[in-house]
Amino acid sequence: MHELAASISKHVGIPLVKADIGKFPNGESRVEILESVRGADVFVIQSTCPPVNDNVMELLLIMDALRRASARSINLMVPYFGYSKQDKKKTGREPISAKVMADMMENAGAARIVTIDLHAQQIEGFFDIPVDNLSAIYLFAEHFRSKKIGNTVVVTPDAGGTKRARDLANAMQAERIAIIDKYRPNWRKADAMNVIGKVEGMNAIIVDDFIDTGGSMLEAIKAVRNHKAEKIWVACTHPLLTDPATERFKQLNDSGEVEGFLFADTIPIPQQKMLKNYSIISTAPMLADTIERIARGFSLHPYKPNKS
């Protein structure tokens, strides 16, 4: 996450705090803050993305170090909130892992959480501190508007993403949305059953909050293509791209079935997983604006590029 943090730092105009972060020979995380933070409002930038448990532990240790160094407040900027899919019990003897994450962050001393496109909005209620759930929708809308794509339908891969699709459609002034009826026989696999809404002859933008192994998105693309969409784009905030996602999307890339994939930079994509039709949009201006507003005590509002 250093690249995103450096970009945010540049936008805010404040240098990153020097810190020594690594591992001991036995694999334990090691953290040392190398500058004074006494009495300061500190903003920690760390996505809890893969390797998830390492990044979570590192974040907790950073917070503890800052608290022991007498920071006035610790504000967590967690662009991708790990374990957010585990926001409820699906069987009788499962944890609610997102709640455990919230408890750990709060108990470690977090004064505020800032994240982007939480998988489930109810996670905000797992905290007893302020949570600001930002959205990449306006960033996506600006990108697609610049391409001047007409006759557009915004598609959600499942009913749970209907609001996300509607928000993007409104921001783009798109004509309509469509919903894919998805059936999940188990947690490993999802099957796209049908498309609710018209996509035939239209330019389809499939929008989701994250892509993991790519199975659900692949089924969504197949369903939209089978319903005779003219062209297809994919927009996703969090590109986890767990194997075999790269191999799956490489085939789409080679065949030209998808015009392009648009991702936010909440999760760094290794070079070996980058494909030529991937575009990365920066969240740094939005996060920098949020930091400045929080620091000055201003209210937050939906971030819109090129708007004052």
C-alpha atoms as a PDB file:
ATOM      1  CA  MET A   1       0.000   0.000   0.000  1.00  0.00           C
ATOM      2  CA  HIS A   2       3.045   2.303   0.048  1.00  0.00           C
ATOM      3  CA  GLU A   3       2.324   3.627  -3.451  1.00  0.00           C
ATOM      4  CA  LEU A   4      -1.223   4.683  -2.527  1.00  0.00           C
ATOM      5  CA  ALA A   5      -0.041   6.127   0.796  1.00  0.00           C
ATOM      6  CA  ALA A   6       2.682   8.132  -0.983  1.00  0.00           C
ATOM      7  CA  SER A   7       0.143   9.489  -3.458  1.00  0.00           C
ATOM      8  CA  ILE A   8      -2.231  10.514  -0.646  1.00  0.00           C
ATOM      9  CA  SER A   9       0.679  12.148   1.173  1.00  0.00           C
ATOM     10  CA  LYS A  10       1.521  14.146  -1.956  1.00  0.00           C
ATOM     11  CA  HIS A  11      -2.069  15.354  -2.348  1.00  0.00           C
ATOM     12  CA  VAL A  12      -2.317  16.347   1.328  1.00  0.00           C
ATOM     13  CA  GLY A  13       1.120  17.970   1.303  1.00  0.00           C
ATOM     14  CA  ILE A  14       2.344  16.195   4.440  1.00  0.00           C
ATOM     15  CA  PRO A  15       5.186  13.624   4.295  1.00  0.00           C
ATOM     16  CA  LEU A  16       4.681  10.067   5.475  1.00  0.00           C
ATOM     17  CA  VAL A  17       5.889   9.277   8.988  1.00  0.00           C
ATOM     18  CA  LYS A  18       9.072   7.229   8.959  1.00  0.00           C
ATOM     19  CA  ALA A  19       8.540   3.723  10.330  1.00  0.00           C
ATOM     20  CA  ASP A  20      10.433   0.448  10.388  1.00  0.00           C
ATOM     21  CA  ILE A  21       7.964  -2.304   9.525  1.00  0.00           C
ATOM     22  CA  GLY A  22       8.960  -5.869   8.755  1.00  0.00           C
ATOM     23  CA  LYS A  23       9.255  -9.321  10.271  1.00  0.00           C
ATOM     24  CA  PHE A  24      11.420 -11.010  12.840  1.00  0.00           C
ATOM     25  CA  PRO A  25      13.231 -14.195  11.741  1.00  0.00           C
ATOM     26  CA  ASN A  26      10.508 -16.269  13.430  1.00  0.00           C
ATOM     27  CA  GLY A  27       7.821 -14.682  11.216  1.00  0.00           C
ATOM     28  CA  GLU A  28       6.350 -12.321  13.823  1.00  0.00           C
ATOM     29  CA  SER A  29       5.537  -8.801  12.626  1.00  0.00           C
ATOM     30  CA  ARG A  30       7.870  -6.026  13.758  1.00  0.00           C
ATOM     31  CA  VAL A  31       6.875  -2.340  14.013  1.00  0.00           C
ATOM     32  CA  GLU A  32       8.764   0.752  15.160  1.00  0.00           C
ATOM     33  CA  ILE A  33       7.647   4.355  14.621  1.00  0.00           C
ATOM     34  CA  LEU A  34      10.775   6.410  13.932  1.00  0.00           C
ATOM     35  CA  GLU A  35       9.325   9.906  14.486  1.00  0.00           C
ATOM     36  CA  SER A  36       7.497  11.634  17.309  1.00  0.00           C
ATOM     37  CA  VAL A  37       3.699  11.496  17.011  1.00  0.00           C
ATOM     38  CA  ARG A  38       2.971  12.875  20.476  1.00  0.00           C
ATOM     39  CA  GLY A  39      -0.236  14.914  20.470  1.00  0.00           C
ATOM     40  CA  ALA A  40      -0.788  14.372  16.728  1.00  0.00           C
ATOM     41  CA  ASP A  41      -3.874  13.248  14.847  1.00  0.00           C
ATOM     42  CA  VAL A  42      -2.479  10.270  12.939  1.00  0.00           C
ATOM     43  CA  PHE A  43      -3.970   8.742   9.774  1.00  0.00           C
ATOM     44  CA  VAL A  44      -2.873   5.162   9.122  1.00  0.00           C
ATOM     45  CA  ILE A  45      -3.281   3.923   5.545  1.00  0.00           C
ATOM     46  CA  GLN A  46      -3.507   0.135   5.292  1.00  0.00           C
ATOM     47  CA  SER A  47      -5.782  -2.151   3.293  1.00  0.00           C
ATOM     48  CA  THR A  48      -6.395  -5.491   4.993  1.00  0.00           C
ATOM     49  CA  CYS A  49      -5.973  -7.312   1.694  1.00  0.00           C
ATOM     50  CA  PRO A  50      -3.937 -10.476   1.011  1.00  0.00           C
ATOM     51  CA  PRO A  51      -1.907 -11.497   2.864  1.00  0.00           C
ATOM     52  CA  VAL A  52      -4.898 -10.602   5.018  1.00  0.00           C
ATOM     53  CA  ASN A  53      -3.812 -11.880   8.412  1.00  0.00           C
ATOM     54  CA  ASP A  54      -0.318 -10.376   8.077  1.00  0.00           C
ATOM     55  CA  ASN A  55      -1.766  -6.994   7.142  1.00  0.00           C
ATOM     56  CA  VAL A  56      -4.325  -7.106   9.954  1.00  0.00           C
ATOM     57  CA  MET A  57      -1.672  -7.946  12.554  1.00  0.00           C
ATOM     58  CA  GLU A  58       0.651  -5.280  11.182  1.00  0.00           C
ATOM     59  CA  LEU A  59      -2.143  -2.707  11.404  1.00  0.00           C
ATOM     60  CA  LEU A  60      -2.959  -3.613  15.013  1.00  0.00           C
ATOM     61  CA  LEU A  61       0.705  -3.346  16.017  1.00  0.00           C
ATOM     62  CA  ILE A  62       1.053   0.026  14.289  1.00  0.00           C
ATOM     63  CA  MET A  63      -1.965   1.276  16.228  1.00  0.00           C
ATOM     64  CA  ASP A  64      -0.582   0.006  19.519  1.00  0.00           C
ATOM     65  CA  ALA A  65       2.770   1.665  18.823  1.00  0.00           C
ATOM     66  CA  LEU A  66       1.051   4.971  18.030  1.00  0.00           C
ATOM     67  CA  ARG A  67      -1.109   4.797  21.136  1.00  0.00           C
ATOM     68  CA  ARG A  68       1.930   4.090  23.334  1.00  0.00           C
ATOM     69  CA  ALA A  69       3.711   6.989  21.621  1.00  0.00           C
ATOM     70  CA  SER A  70       0.924   9.334  22.831  1.00  0.00           C
ATOM     71  CA  ALA A  71      -0.768  10.101  19.516  1.00  0.00           C
ATOM     72  CA  ARG A  72      -3.849  12.237  20.138  1.00  0.00           C
ATOM     73  CA  SER A  73      -6.051  10.235  17.768  1.00  0.00           C
ATOM     74  CA  ILE A  74      -5.600   7.255  15.459  1.00  0.00           C
ATOM     75  CA  ASN A  75      -7.688   7.364  12.294  1.00  0.00           C
ATOM     76  CA  LEU A  76      -7.656   4.235  10.150  1.00  0.00           C
ATOM     77  CA  MET A  77      -7.845   4.594   6.377  1.00  0.00           C
ATOM     78  CA  VAL A  78      -8.682   1.017   5.349  1.00  0.00           C
ATOM     79  CA  PRO A  79      -9.530   1.227   1.625  1.00  0.00           C
ATOM     80  CA  TYR A  80     -10.314  -2.496   1.482  1.00  0.00           C
ATOM     81  CA  PHE A  81     -11.823  -3.937   4.668  1.00  0.00           C
ATOM     82  CA  GLY A  82     -10.848  -7.610   4.911  1.00  0.00           C
ATOM     83  CA  TYR A  83     -13.301 -10.228   6.227  1.00  0.00           C
ATOM     84  CA  SER A  84     -16.187  -7.974   5.141  1.00  0.00           C
ATOM     85  CA  LYS A  85     -17.862 -10.878   3.344  1.00  0.00           C
ATOM     86  CA  GLN A  86     -18.230 -12.639   6.692  1.00  0.00           C
ATOM     87  CA  ASP A  87     -20.779 -10.187   8.049  1.00  0.00           C
ATOM     88  CA  LYS A  88     -23.368 -12.716   9.245  1.00  0.00           C
ATOM     89  CA  LYS A  89     -23.795 -16.339  10.260  1.00  0.00           C
ATOM     90  CA  LYS A  90     -24.796 -18.668   7.468  1.00  0.00           C
ATOM     91  CA  THR A  91     -24.744 -21.815   9.617  1.00  0.00           C
ATOM     92  CA  GLY A  92     -25.133 -22.498  13.317  1.00  0.00           C
ATOM     93  CA  ARG A  93     -21.484 -22.539  14.382  1.00  0.00           C
ATOM     94  CA  GLU A  94     -19.762 -19.792  12.392  1.00  0.00           C
ATOM     95  CA  PRO A  95     -18.126 -16.581  13.644  1.00  0.00           C
ATOM     96  CA  ILE A  96     -19.155 -13.154  12.436  1.00  0.00           C
ATOM     97  CA  SER A  97     -15.614 -12.359  11.403  1.00  0.00           C
ATOM     98  CA  ALA A  98     -16.281  -8.776  10.299  1.00  0.00           C
ATOM     99  CA  LYS A  99     -17.487  -8.022  13.857  1.00  0.00           C
ATOM    100  CA  VAL A 100     -14.290  -9.558  15.274  1.00  0.00           C
ATOM    101  CA  MET A 101     -12.294  -7.247  12.981  1.00  0.00           C
ATOM    102  CA  ALA A 102     -14.274  -4.244  14.182  1.00  0.00           C
ATOM    103  CA  ASP A 103     -13.710  -5.168  17.831  1.00  0.00           C
ATOM    104  CA  MET A 104      -9.953  -5.607  17.335  1.00  0.00           C
ATOM    105  CA  MET A 105      -9.542  -2.264  15.584  1.00  0.00           C
ATOM    106  CA  GLU A 106     -11.608  -0.425  18.155  1.00  0.00           C
ATOM    107  CA  ASN A 107      -9.898  -2.083  21.128  1.00  0.00           C
ATOM    108  CA  ALA A 108      -6.486  -1.273  19.644  1.00  0.00           C
ATOM    109  CA  GLY A 109      -7.347   2.416  19.819  1.00  0.00           C
ATOM    110  CA  ALA A 110      -8.944   3.476  16.541  1.00  0.00           C
ATOM    111  CA  ALA A 111     -10.867   6.757  16.810  1.00  0.00           C
ATOM    112  CA  ARG A 112     -12.379   6.541  13.317  1.00  0.00           C
ATOM    113  CA  ILE A 113     -12.532   4.157  10.358  1.00  0.00           C
ATOM    114  CA  VAL A 114     -12.527   5.316   6.745  1.00  0.00           C
ATOM    115  CA  THR A 115     -13.097   2.648   4.112  1.00  0.00           C
ATOM    116  CA  ILE A 116     -14.334   2.352   0.526  1.00  0.00           C
ATOM    117  CA  ASP A 117     -17.329   0.352  -0.694  1.00  0.00           C
ATOM    118  CA  LEU A 118     -17.892  -1.987   2.230  1.00  0.00           C
ATOM    119  CA  HIS A 119     -19.291  -5.306   1.074  1.00  0.00           C
ATOM    120  CA  ALA A 120     -22.159  -4.926   3.542  1.00  0.00           C
ATOM    121  CA  GLN A 121     -23.228  -1.570   4.951  1.00  0.00           C
ATOM    122  CA  GLN A 122     -24.350  -3.110   8.230  1.00  0.00           C
ATOM    123  CA  ILE A 123     -20.670  -3.531   9.131  1.00  0.00           C
ATOM    124  CA  GLU A 124     -20.737   0.175  10.034  1.00  0.00           C
ATOM    125  CA  GLY A 125     -22.962  -0.831  12.945  1.00  0.00           C
ATOM    126  CA  PHE A 126     -20.321  -3.245  14.259  1.00  0.00           C
ATOM    127  CA  PHE A 127     -18.320  -0.201  15.430  1.00  0.00           C
ATOM    128  CA  ASP A 128     -19.062   2.219  18.268  1.00  0.00           C
ATOM    129  CA  ILE A 129     -16.807   4.840  16.642  1.00  0.00           C
ATOM    130  CA  PRO A 130     -17.430   6.905  13.468  1.00  0.00           C
ATOM    131  CA  VAL A 131     -17.224   4.962  10.204  1.00  0.00           C
ATOM    132  CA  ASP A 132     -17.021   6.749   6.860  1.00  0.00           C
ATOM    133  CA  ASN A 133     -17.843   4.382   4.009  1.00  0.00           C
ATOM    134  CA  LEU A 134     -16.728   6.184   0.853  1.00  0.00           C
ATOM    135  CA  SER A 135     -17.670   5.135  -2.661  1.00  0.00           C
ATOM    136  CA  ALA A 136     -15.706   4.775  -5.887  1.00  0.00           C
ATOM    137  CA  ILE A 137     -18.891   5.201  -7.933  1.00  0.00           C
ATOM    138  CA  TYR A 138     -18.222   8.817  -8.947  1.00  0.00           C
ATOM    139  CA  LEU A 139     -14.666   7.898  -9.960  1.00  0.00           C
ATOM    140  CA  PHE A 140     -16.053   5.160 -12.204  1.00  0.00           C
ATOM    141  CA  ALA A 141     -18.742   7.467 -13.587  1.00  0.00           C
ATOM    142  CA  GLU A 142     -16.181  10.126 -14.518  1.00  0.00           C
ATOM    143  CA  HIS A 143     -14.061   7.514 -16.312  1.00  0.00           C
ATOM    144  CA  PHE A 144     -16.948   6.160 -18.366  1.00  0.00           C
ATOM    145  CA  ARG A 145     -18.344   9.616 -19.111  1.00  0.00           C
ATOM    146  CA  SER A 146     -14.970  10.557 -20.587  1.00  0.00           C
ATOM    147  CA  LYS A 147     -15.332   7.612 -22.992  1.00  0.00           C
ATOM    148  CA  LYS A 148     -18.687   8.989 -24.164  1.00  0.00           C
ATOM    149  CA  ILE A 149     -20.342   5.568 -24.107  1.00  0.00           C
ATOM    150  CA  GLY A 150     -23.969   5.879 -25.132  1.00  0.00           C
ATOM    151  CA  ASN A 151     -26.941   3.519 -24.995  1.00  0.00           C
ATOM    152  CA  THR A 152     -25.696   2.247 -21.627  1.00  0.00           C
ATOM    153  CA  VAL A 153     -27.113  -0.200 -19.130  1.00  0.00           C
ATOM    154  CA  VAL A 154     -25.471  -0.714 -15.724  1.00  0.00           C
ATOM    155  CA  VAL A 155     -25.600  -4.330 -14.586  1.00  0.00           C
ATOM    156  CA  THR A 156     -25.241  -5.744 -11.081  1.00  0.00           C
ATOM    157  CA  PRO A 157     -24.089  -9.393 -10.753  1.00  0.00           C
ATOM    158  CA  ASP A 158     -26.567  -9.984  -7.918  1.00  0.00           C
ATOM    159  CA  ALA A 159     -29.592  -8.362  -6.311  1.00  0.00           C
ATOM    160  CA  GLY A 160     -27.513  -7.162  -3.345  1.00  0.00           C
ATOM    161  CA  GLY A 161     -25.677  -4.725  -5.603  1.00  0.00           C
ATOM    162  CA  THR A 162     -28.809  -3.024  -6.965  1.00  0.00           C
ATOM    163  CA  LYS A 163     -28.174   0.262  -5.133  1.00  0.00           C
ATOM    164  CA  ARG A 164     -24.576   0.323  -6.387  1.00  0.00           C
ATOM    165  CA  ALA A 165     -25.762  -0.149  -9.966  1.00  0.00           C
ATOM    166  CA  ARG A 166     -28.455   2.503  -9.578  1.00  0.00           C
ATOM    167  CA  ASP A 167     -25.958   4.986  -8.104  1.00  0.00           C
ATOM    168  CA  LEU A 168     -23.566   4.466 -11.032  1.00  0.00           C
ATOM    169  CA  ALA A 169     -26.401   4.732 -13.542  1.00  0.00           C
ATOM    170  CA  ASN A 170     -27.557   7.999 -11.958  1.00  0.00           C
ATOM    171  CA  ALA A 171     -24.024   9.404 -11.866  1.00  0.00           C
ATOM    172  CA  MET A 172     -23.569   8.524 -15.543  1.00  0.00           C
ATOM    173  CA  GLN A 173     -27.122   9.494 -16.500  1.00  0.00           C
ATOM    174  CA  ALA A 174     -27.431   6.013 -17.970  1.00  0.00           C
ATOM    175  CA  GLU A 175     -30.750   4.880 -19.319  1.00  0.00           C
ATOM    176  CA  ARG A 176     -31.369   1.822 -17.169  1.00  0.00           C
ATOM    177  CA  ILE A 177     -30.009  -0.933 -14.925  1.00  0.00           C
ATOM    178  CA  ALA A 178     -30.251  -4.722 -15.073  1.00  0.00           C
ATOM    179  CA  ILE A 179     -29.954  -7.356 -12.362  1.00  0.00           C
ATOM    180  CA  ILE A 180     -28.488 -10.839 -12.688  1.00  0.00           C
ATOM    181  CA  ASP A 181     -30.370 -13.491 -10.756  1.00  0.00           C
ATOM    182  CA  LYS A 182     -27.511 -15.408  -9.138  1.00  0.00           C
ATOM    183  CA  TYR A 183     -27.792 -18.742  -7.413  1.00  0.00           C
ATOM    184  CA  ARG A 184     -24.989 -19.912  -5.109  1.00  0.00           C
ATOM    185  CA  PRO A 185     -25.111 -23.715  -4.502  1.00  0.00           C
ATOM    186  CA  ASN A 186     -22.190 -23.339  -2.048  1.00  0.00           C
ATOM    187  CA  TRP A 187     -19.626 -20.726  -0.993  1.00  0.00           C
ATOM    188  CA  ARG A 188     -17.181 -21.865  -3.684  1.00  0.00           C
ATOM    189  CA  LYS A 189     -19.398 -21.318  -6.716  1.00  0.00           C
ATOM    190  CA  ALA A 190     -22.080 -19.005  -8.054  1.00  0.00           C
ATOM    191  CA  ASP A 191     -24.248 -19.611 -11.121  1.00  0.00           C
ATOM    192  CA  ALA A 192     -25.872 -16.791 -13.078  1.00  0.00           C
ATOM    193  CA  MET A 193     -29.414 -17.852 -13.803  1.00  0.00           C
ATOM    194  CA  ASN A 194     -31.090 -14.999 -15.676  1.00  0.00           C
ATOM    195  CA  VAL A 195     -30.873 -11.302 -16.505  1.00  0.00           C
ATOM    196  CA  ILE A 196     -33.691  -9.099 -15.242  1.00  0.00           C
ATOM    197  CA  GLY A 197     -33.897  -6.042 -17.473  1.00  0.00           C
ATOM    198  CA  LYS A 198     -32.981  -5.227 -21.048  1.00  0.00           C
ATOM    199  CA  VAL A 199     -29.347  -5.540 -22.168  1.00  0.00           C
ATOM    200  CA  GLU A 200     -29.867  -6.607 -25.785  1.00  0.00           C
ATOM    201  CA  GLY A 201     -28.203  -4.207 -28.189  1.00  0.00           C
ATOM    202  CA  MET A 202     -26.927  -2.031 -25.324  1.00  0.00           C
ATOM    203  CA  ASN A 203     -23.472  -1.205 -23.954  1.00  0.00           C
ATOM    204  CA  ALA A 204     -23.300  -2.984 -20.590  1.00  0.00           C
ATOM    205  CA  ILE A 205     -21.187  -1.939 -17.606  1.00  0.00           C
ATOM    206  CA  ILE A 206     -21.090  -4.674 -14.958  1.00  0.00           C
ATOM    207  CA  VAL A 207     -20.264  -3.130 -11.573  1.00  0.00           C
ATOM    208  CA  ASP A 208     -19.351  -4.907  -8.333  1.00  0.00           C
ATOM    209  CA  ASP A 209     -17.537  -4.121  -5.087  1.00  0.00           C
ATOM    210  CA  PHE A 210     -14.844  -6.783  -5.420  1.00  0.00           C
ATOM    211  CA  ILE A 211     -13.638  -9.629  -7.595  1.00  0.00           C
ATOM    212  CA  ASP A 212     -12.109 -12.610  -5.817  1.00  0.00           C
ATOM    213  CA  THR A 213     -11.523 -15.711  -7.969  1.00  0.00           C
ATOM    214  CA  GLY A 214     -13.582 -14.206 -10.780  1.00  0.00           C
ATOM    215  CA  GLY A 215     -16.133 -17.024 -10.978  1.00  0.00           C
ATOM    216  CA  SER A 216     -19.176 -14.844 -10.273  1.00  0.00           C
ATOM    217  CA  MET A 217     -18.001 -12.131 -12.649  1.00  0.00           C
ATOM    218  CA  LEU A 218     -17.306 -14.690 -15.368  1.00  0.00           C
ATOM    219  CA  GLU A 219     -20.878 -15.987 -15.036  1.00  0.00           C
ATOM    220  CA  ALA A 220     -22.200 -12.426 -15.114  1.00  0.00           C
ATOM    221  CA  ILE A 221     -20.258 -11.630 -18.291  1.00  0.00           C
ATOM    222  CA  LYS A 222     -21.512 -14.846 -19.883  1.00  0.00           C
ATOM    223  CA  ALA A 223     -25.126 -14.043 -18.961  1.00  0.00           C
ATOM    224  CA  VAL A 224     -24.927 -10.505 -20.369  1.00  0.00           C
ATOM    225  CA  ARG A 225     -23.235 -11.740 -23.537  1.00  0.00           C
ATOM    226  CA  ASN A 226     -25.874 -14.466 -23.990  1.00  0.00           C
ATOM    227  CA  HIS A 227     -28.536 -11.768 -23.735  1.00  0.00           C
ATOM    228  CA  LYS A 228     -26.892 -10.036 -26.720  1.00  0.00           C
ATOM    229  CA  ALA A 229     -25.309  -6.967 -25.147  1.00  0.00           C
ATOM    230  CA  GLU A 230     -23.450  -4.872 -27.733  1.00  0.00           C
ATOM    231  CA  LYS A 231     -20.245  -4.279 -25.721  1.00  0.00           C
ATOM    232  CA  ILE A 232     -19.254  -5.132 -22.138  1.00  0.00           C
ATOM    233  CA  TRP A 233     -17.128  -3.313 -19.565  1.00  0.00           C
ATOM    234  CA  VAL A 234     -16.430  -4.343 -15.952  1.00  0.00           C
ATOM    235  CA  ALA A 235     -15.971  -1.902 -13.046  1.00  0.00           C
ATOM    236  CA  CYS A 236     -14.862  -3.171  -9.639  1.00  0.00           C
ATOM    237  CA  THR A 237     -13.579  -1.345  -6.571  1.00  0.00           C
ATOM    238  CA  HIS A 238     -11.441  -4.061  -4.968  1.00  0.00           C
ATOM    239  CA  PRO A 239      -9.409  -6.283  -7.362  1.00  0.00           C
ATOM    240  CA  LEU A 240      -8.475  -9.228  -5.140  1.00  0.00           C
ATOM    241  CA  LEU A 241      -7.925 -11.346  -8.285  1.00  0.00           C
ATOM    242  CA  THR A 242      -7.246 -14.550  -6.382  1.00  0.00           C
ATOM    243  CA  ASP A 243      -6.149 -17.425  -8.618  1.00  0.00           C
ATOM    244  CA  PRO A 244      -7.548 -18.487 -11.046  1.00  0.00           C
ATOM    245  CA  ALA A 245      -9.005 -15.006 -11.764  1.00  0.00           C
ATOM    246  CA  THR A 246      -6.059 -13.910 -13.913  1.00  0.00           C
ATOM    247  CA  GLU A 247      -6.254 -16.975 -16.149  1.00  0.00           C
ATOM    248  CA  ARG A 248     -10.025 -16.582 -16.479  1.00  0.00           C
ATOM    249  CA  PHE A 249      -9.792 -12.920 -17.475  1.00  0.00           C
ATOM    250  CA  LYS A 250      -6.809 -13.493 -19.744  1.00  0.00           C
ATOM    251  CA  GLN A 251      -9.039 -15.613 -21.970  1.00  0.00           C
ATOM    252  CA  LEU A 252     -11.584 -12.765 -22.130  1.00  0.00           C
ATOM    253  CA  ASN A 253      -8.758 -10.334 -22.826  1.00  0.00           C
ATOM    254  CA  ASP A 254      -7.391 -12.445 -25.687  1.00  0.00           C
ATOM    255  CA  SER A 255     -10.816 -13.002 -27.238  1.00  0.00           C
ATOM    256  CA  GLY A 256     -11.901  -9.365 -26.925  1.00  0.00           C
ATOM    257  CA  GLU A 257     -15.187 -10.330 -25.265  1.00  0.00           C
ATOM    258  CA  VAL A 258     -14.764  -7.565 -22.681  1.00  0.00           C
ATOM    259  CA  GLU A 259     -13.786  -4.043 -23.741  1.00  0.00           C
ATOM    260  CA  GLY A 260     -11.992  -3.363 -20.493  1.00  0.00           C
ATOM    261  CA  PHE A 261     -11.779  -3.818 -16.721  1.00  0.00           C
ATOM    262  CA  LEU A 262     -11.729  -0.739 -14.470  1.00  0.00           C
ATOM    263  CA  PHE A 263     -10.340  -1.188 -10.949  1.00  0.00           C
ATOM    264  CA  ALA A 264      -9.692   1.172  -8.046  1.00  0.00           C
ATOM    265  CA  ASP A 265      -6.240   1.064  -6.426  1.00  0.00           C
ATOM    266  CA  THR A 266      -7.499  -0.083  -3.006  1.00  0.00           C
ATOM    267  CA  ILE A 267      -5.532  -3.311  -3.510  1.00  0.00           C
ATOM    268  CA  PRO A 268      -2.161  -3.354  -5.316  1.00  0.00           C
ATOM    269  CA  ILE A 269      -2.166  -5.682  -8.340  1.00  0.00           C
ATOM    270  CA  PRO A 270       1.125  -7.561  -8.851  1.00  0.00           C
ATOM    271  CA  GLN A 271       2.704  -6.927 -12.232  1.00  0.00           C
ATOM    272  CA  GLN A 272       2.357 -10.592 -13.203  1.00  0.00           C
ATOM    273  CA  LYS A 273      -1.433 -10.293 -12.810  1.00  0.00           C
ATOM    274  CA  MET A 274      -1.832  -7.144 -14.917  1.00  0.00           C
ATOM    275  CA  LEU A 275      -3.532  -7.509 -18.298  1.00  0.00           C
ATOM    276  CA  LYS A 276      -3.555  -5.038 -21.171  1.00  0.00           C
ATOM    277  CA  ASN A 277      -7.255  -4.245 -20.831  1.00  0.00           C
ATOM    278  CA  TYR A 278      -6.984  -3.383 -17.107  1.00  0.00           C
ATOM    279  CA  SER A 279      -7.290   0.291 -16.147  1.00  0.00           C
ATOM    280  CA  ILE A 280      -6.514   1.486 -12.610  1.00  0.00           C
ATOM    281  CA  ILE A 281      -8.166   4.574 -11.176  1.00  0.00           C
ATOM    282  CA  SER A 282      -6.633   6.363  -8.196  1.00  0.00           C
ATOM    283  CA  THR A 283      -8.533   6.801  -4.936  1.00  0.00           C
ATOM    284  CA  ALA A 284      -5.774   9.059  -3.564  1.00  0.00           C
ATOM    285  CA  PRO A 285      -7.522  12.398  -4.314  1.00  0.00           C
ATOM    286  CA  MET A 286     -10.719  11.162  -2.638  1.00  0.00           C
ATOM    287  CA  LEU A 287      -8.891   9.839   0.427  1.00  0.00           C
ATOM    288  CA  ALA A 288      -6.737  12.982   0.666  1.00  0.00           C
ATOM    289  CA  ASP A 289      -9.870  15.150   0.529  1.00  0.00           C
ATOM    290  CA  THR A 290     -11.400  13.008   3.288  1.00  0.00           C
ATOM    291  CA  ILE A 291      -8.306  13.360   5.493  1.00  0.00           C
ATOM    292  CA  GLU A 292      -8.308  17.134   5.093  1.00  0.00           C
ATOM    293  CA  ARG A 293     -12.005  17.397   5.933  1.00  0.00           C
ATOM    294  CA  ILE A 294     -11.692  15.187   9.012  1.00  0.00           C
ATOM    295  CA  ALA A 295      -8.609  17.081  10.222  1.00  0.00           C
ATOM    296  CA  ARG A 296     -10.384  20.439   9.838  1.00  0.00           C
ATOM    297  CA  GLY A 297     -13.677  19.263  11.302  1.00  0.00           C
ATOM    298  CA  PHE A 298     -15.584  19.681   8.027  1.00  0.00           C
ATOM    299  CA  SER A 299     -18.478  17.459   7.019  1.00  0.00           C
ATOM    300  CA  LEU A 300     -17.929  14.782   4.395  1.00  0.00           C
ATOM    301  CA  HIS A 301     -19.849  14.509   1.148  1.00  0.00           C
ATOM    302  CA  PRO A 302     -19.767  12.181  -1.867  1.00  0.00           C
ATOM    303  CA  TYR A 303     -16.471  12.876  -3.631  1.00  0.00           C
ATOM    304  CA  LYS A 304     -16.922  14.041  -7.215  1.00  0.00           C
ATOM    305  CA  PRO A 305     -13.825  14.454  -9.437  1.00  0.00           C
ATOM    306  CA  ASN A 306     -13.228  17.918 -10.871  1.00  0.00           C
ATOM    307  CA  LYS A 307     -15.861  19.379  -8.605  1.00  0.00           C
ATOM    308  CA  SER A 308     -15.128  21.901  -5.864  1.00  0.00           C
END
